[in-house]
Amino acid sequence: MSEPRRRNACPVCGKPVAEAAKPFCSQGCKDRDLLQWLSDGHRIPGPSVEEGEDMREDGLDS
């Protein structure tokens, strides 16, 4: 079983957090995390929206 990540650990690699790159350890880990978001590697849980569906069906106009 792996050890839980330390509170002040980089979420990408687990190394100690650097003040200049918080909450990451380096610019490289910041960039890797951003790349994951941009390539749909990270997702926020929620109901799926099919292509062509209109979000305003819920009565919420943006």
N, C-alpha and C. Protein backbone atom coordinates (compact mmCIF):
# COMPACT_ATOMS: atom_id res chain seq x y z
N MET A 1 0.85 -1.18 0.00
CA MET A 1 0.00 0.00 0.00
C MET A 1 0.89 1.24 0.00
N SER A 2 0.58 2.21 -0.82
CA SER A 2 1.40 3.42 -0.89
C SER A 2 1.08 4.35 0.27
N GLU A 3 2.08 5.17 0.62
CA GLU A 3 1.89 6.12 1.71
C GLU A 3 1.02 7.27 1.23
N PRO A 4 0.19 7.83 2.12
CA PRO A 4 -0.59 9.00 1.71
C PRO A 4 0.33 10.19 1.46
N ARG A 5 -0.07 11.05 0.56
CA ARG A 5 0.76 12.22 0.24
C ARG A 5 0.80 13.18 1.42
N ARG A 6 1.97 13.76 1.61
CA ARG A 6 2.11 14.76 2.66
C ARG A 6 1.29 15.99 2.31
N ARG A 7 0.89 16.71 3.32
CA ARG A 7 0.07 17.91 3.13
C ARG A 7 0.78 18.94 2.25
N ASN A 8 2.08 19.08 2.37
CA ASN A 8 2.83 20.04 1.57
C ASN A 8 3.61 19.35 0.47
N ALA A 9 2.97 18.41 -0.19
CA ALA A 9 3.62 17.67 -1.27
C ALA A 9 3.02 18.08 -2.61
N CYS A 10 3.85 18.08 -3.61
CA CYS A 10 3.41 18.39 -4.97
C CYS A 10 2.36 17.35 -5.40
N PRO A 11 1.21 17.79 -5.93
CA PRO A 11 0.18 16.83 -6.34
C PRO A 11 0.57 16.01 -7.56
N VAL A 12 1.61 16.41 -8.28
CA VAL A 12 2.03 15.69 -9.48
C VAL A 12 3.05 14.61 -9.12
N CYS A 13 4.10 14.98 -8.37
CA CYS A 13 5.19 14.03 -8.13
C CYS A 13 5.41 13.69 -6.66
N GLY A 14 4.80 14.43 -5.74
CA GLY A 14 4.93 14.12 -4.32
C GLY A 14 6.13 14.75 -3.63
N LYS A 15 6.96 15.49 -4.37
CA LYS A 15 8.11 16.16 -3.76
C LYS A 15 7.63 17.35 -2.92
N PRO A 16 8.48 17.86 -2.03
CA PRO A 16 8.09 19.03 -1.23
C PRO A 16 7.76 20.23 -2.12
N VAL A 17 6.78 21.00 -1.69
CA VAL A 17 6.31 22.16 -2.44
C VAL A 17 7.34 23.29 -2.37
N ALA A 18 7.56 23.95 -3.51
CA ALA A 18 8.44 25.12 -3.57
C ALA A 18 7.58 26.37 -3.46
N GLU A 19 8.01 27.32 -2.66
CA GLU A 19 7.23 28.55 -2.44
C GLU A 19 6.89 29.24 -3.76
N ALA A 20 7.82 29.31 -4.68
CA ALA A 20 7.60 30.02 -5.95
C ALA A 20 6.64 29.28 -6.89
N ALA A 21 6.42 28.00 -6.67
CA ALA A 21 5.59 27.21 -7.59
C ALA A 21 4.35 26.64 -6.92
N LYS A 22 3.99 27.13 -5.73
CA LYS A 22 2.87 26.58 -4.97
C LYS A 22 1.65 26.37 -5.84
N PRO A 23 0.95 25.30 -5.74
CA PRO A 23 1.10 24.18 -4.82
C PRO A 23 1.97 23.06 -5.39
N PHE A 24 2.78 23.37 -6.36
CA PHE A 24 3.65 22.39 -7.00
C PHE A 24 5.09 22.55 -6.53
N CYS A 25 5.97 21.63 -6.95
CA CYS A 25 7.37 21.70 -6.55
C CYS A 25 8.21 22.47 -7.55
N SER A 26 7.72 22.61 -8.78
CA SER A 26 8.52 23.26 -9.83
C SER A 26 7.61 23.73 -10.96
N GLN A 27 8.18 24.53 -11.84
CA GLN A 27 7.45 24.98 -13.02
C GLN A 27 7.11 23.78 -13.91
N GLY A 28 7.98 22.79 -13.94
CA GLY A 28 7.73 21.60 -14.75
C GLY A 28 6.47 20.87 -14.32
N CYS A 29 6.28 20.72 -13.01
CA CYS A 29 5.07 20.05 -12.51
C CYS A 29 3.84 20.91 -12.75
N LYS A 30 3.98 22.24 -12.65
CA LYS A 30 2.86 23.13 -12.97
C LYS A 30 2.45 22.93 -14.42
N ASP A 31 3.45 22.86 -15.31
CA ASP A 31 3.18 22.69 -16.74
C ASP A 31 2.55 21.33 -17.03
N ARG A 32 3.04 20.27 -16.38
CA ARG A 32 2.46 18.94 -16.58
C ARG A 32 1.00 18.91 -16.15
N ASP A 33 0.69 19.56 -15.02
CA ASP A 33 -0.69 19.60 -14.54
C ASP A 33 -1.58 20.36 -15.53
N LEU A 34 -1.11 21.51 -16.01
CA LEU A 34 -1.87 22.28 -16.99
C LEU A 34 -2.11 21.46 -18.26
N LEU A 35 -1.10 20.76 -18.71
CA LEU A 35 -1.25 19.92 -19.90
C LEU A 35 -2.32 18.85 -19.69
N GLN A 36 -2.38 18.27 -18.49
CA GLN A 36 -3.41 17.28 -18.19
C GLN A 36 -4.81 17.90 -18.30
N TRP A 37 -4.98 19.11 -17.78
CA TRP A 37 -6.28 19.78 -17.88
C TRP A 37 -6.62 20.08 -19.34
N LEU A 38 -5.66 20.56 -20.10
CA LEU A 38 -5.92 20.94 -21.49
C LEU A 38 -6.19 19.74 -22.39
N SER A 39 -5.66 18.57 -22.03
CA SER A 39 -5.86 17.38 -22.85
C SER A 39 -6.95 16.47 -22.29
N ASP A 40 -7.80 17.01 -21.41
CA ASP A 40 -8.90 16.26 -20.78
C ASP A 40 -8.42 15.10 -19.92
N GLY A 41 -7.18 15.17 -19.42
CA GLY A 41 -6.69 14.16 -18.50
C GLY A 41 -7.30 14.31 -17.12
N HIS A 42 -7.60 15.54 -16.72
CA HIS A 42 -8.31 15.83 -15.47
C HIS A 42 -9.72 16.24 -15.84
N ARG A 43 -10.67 15.80 -15.04
CA ARG A 43 -12.05 16.18 -15.28
C ARG A 43 -12.73 16.48 -13.95
N ILE A 44 -13.68 17.38 -13.99
CA ILE A 44 -14.48 17.70 -12.81
C ILE A 44 -15.74 16.85 -12.91
N PRO A 45 -16.04 16.06 -11.86
CA PRO A 45 -17.21 15.18 -11.92
C PRO A 45 -18.51 15.98 -12.07
N GLY A 46 -19.42 15.42 -12.80
CA GLY A 46 -20.72 16.05 -12.99
C GLY A 46 -21.46 15.31 -14.08
N PRO A 47 -22.69 15.70 -14.33
CA PRO A 47 -23.45 15.03 -15.38
C PRO A 47 -22.82 15.30 -16.74
N SER A 48 -22.84 14.29 -17.58
CA SER A 48 -22.25 14.47 -18.90
C SER A 48 -23.19 15.30 -19.77
N VAL A 49 -22.62 16.05 -20.65
CA VAL A 49 -23.39 16.88 -21.58
C VAL A 49 -23.05 16.39 -22.97
N GLU A 50 -24.04 15.90 -23.66
CA GLU A 50 -23.83 15.41 -25.01
C GLU A 50 -23.67 16.58 -25.95
N GLU A 51 -22.91 16.37 -27.00
CA GLU A 51 -22.71 17.42 -27.99
C GLU A 51 -24.05 17.83 -28.57
N GLY A 52 -24.28 19.12 -28.65
CA GLY A 52 -25.54 19.62 -29.19
C GLY A 52 -26.59 19.89 -28.13
N GLU A 53 -26.41 19.38 -26.90
CA GLU A 53 -27.37 19.66 -25.84
C GLU A 53 -27.26 21.11 -25.43
N ASP A 54 -28.37 21.71 -25.10
CA ASP A 54 -28.38 23.10 -24.67
C ASP A 54 -28.45 23.14 -23.16
N MET A 55 -27.47 23.77 -22.52
CA MET A 55 -27.43 23.84 -21.07
C MET A 55 -28.58 24.69 -20.52
N ARG A 56 -29.22 25.51 -21.34
CA ARG A 56 -30.29 26.38 -20.86
C ARG A 56 -31.58 25.60 -20.63
N GLU A 57 -31.62 24.31 -20.91
CA GLU A 57 -32.81 23.52 -20.66
C GLU A 57 -33.14 23.48 -19.18
N ASP A 58 -32.15 23.71 -18.30
CA ASP A 58 -32.36 23.70 -16.86
C ASP A 58 -32.98 25.00 -16.38
N GLY A 59 -33.22 25.94 -17.28
CA GLY A 59 -33.76 27.23 -16.89
C GLY A 59 -32.69 28.20 -16.43
N LEU A 60 -31.44 27.86 -16.64
CA LEU A 60 -30.34 28.74 -16.26
C LEU A 60 -29.79 29.40 -17.50
N ASP A 61 -30.01 30.67 -17.63
CA ASP A 61 -29.46 31.41 -18.76
C ASP A 61 -28.12 31.99 -18.37
N SER A 62 -27.15 31.88 -19.26
CA SER A 62 -25.83 32.43 -18.93
C SER A 62 -25.57 33.73 -19.63
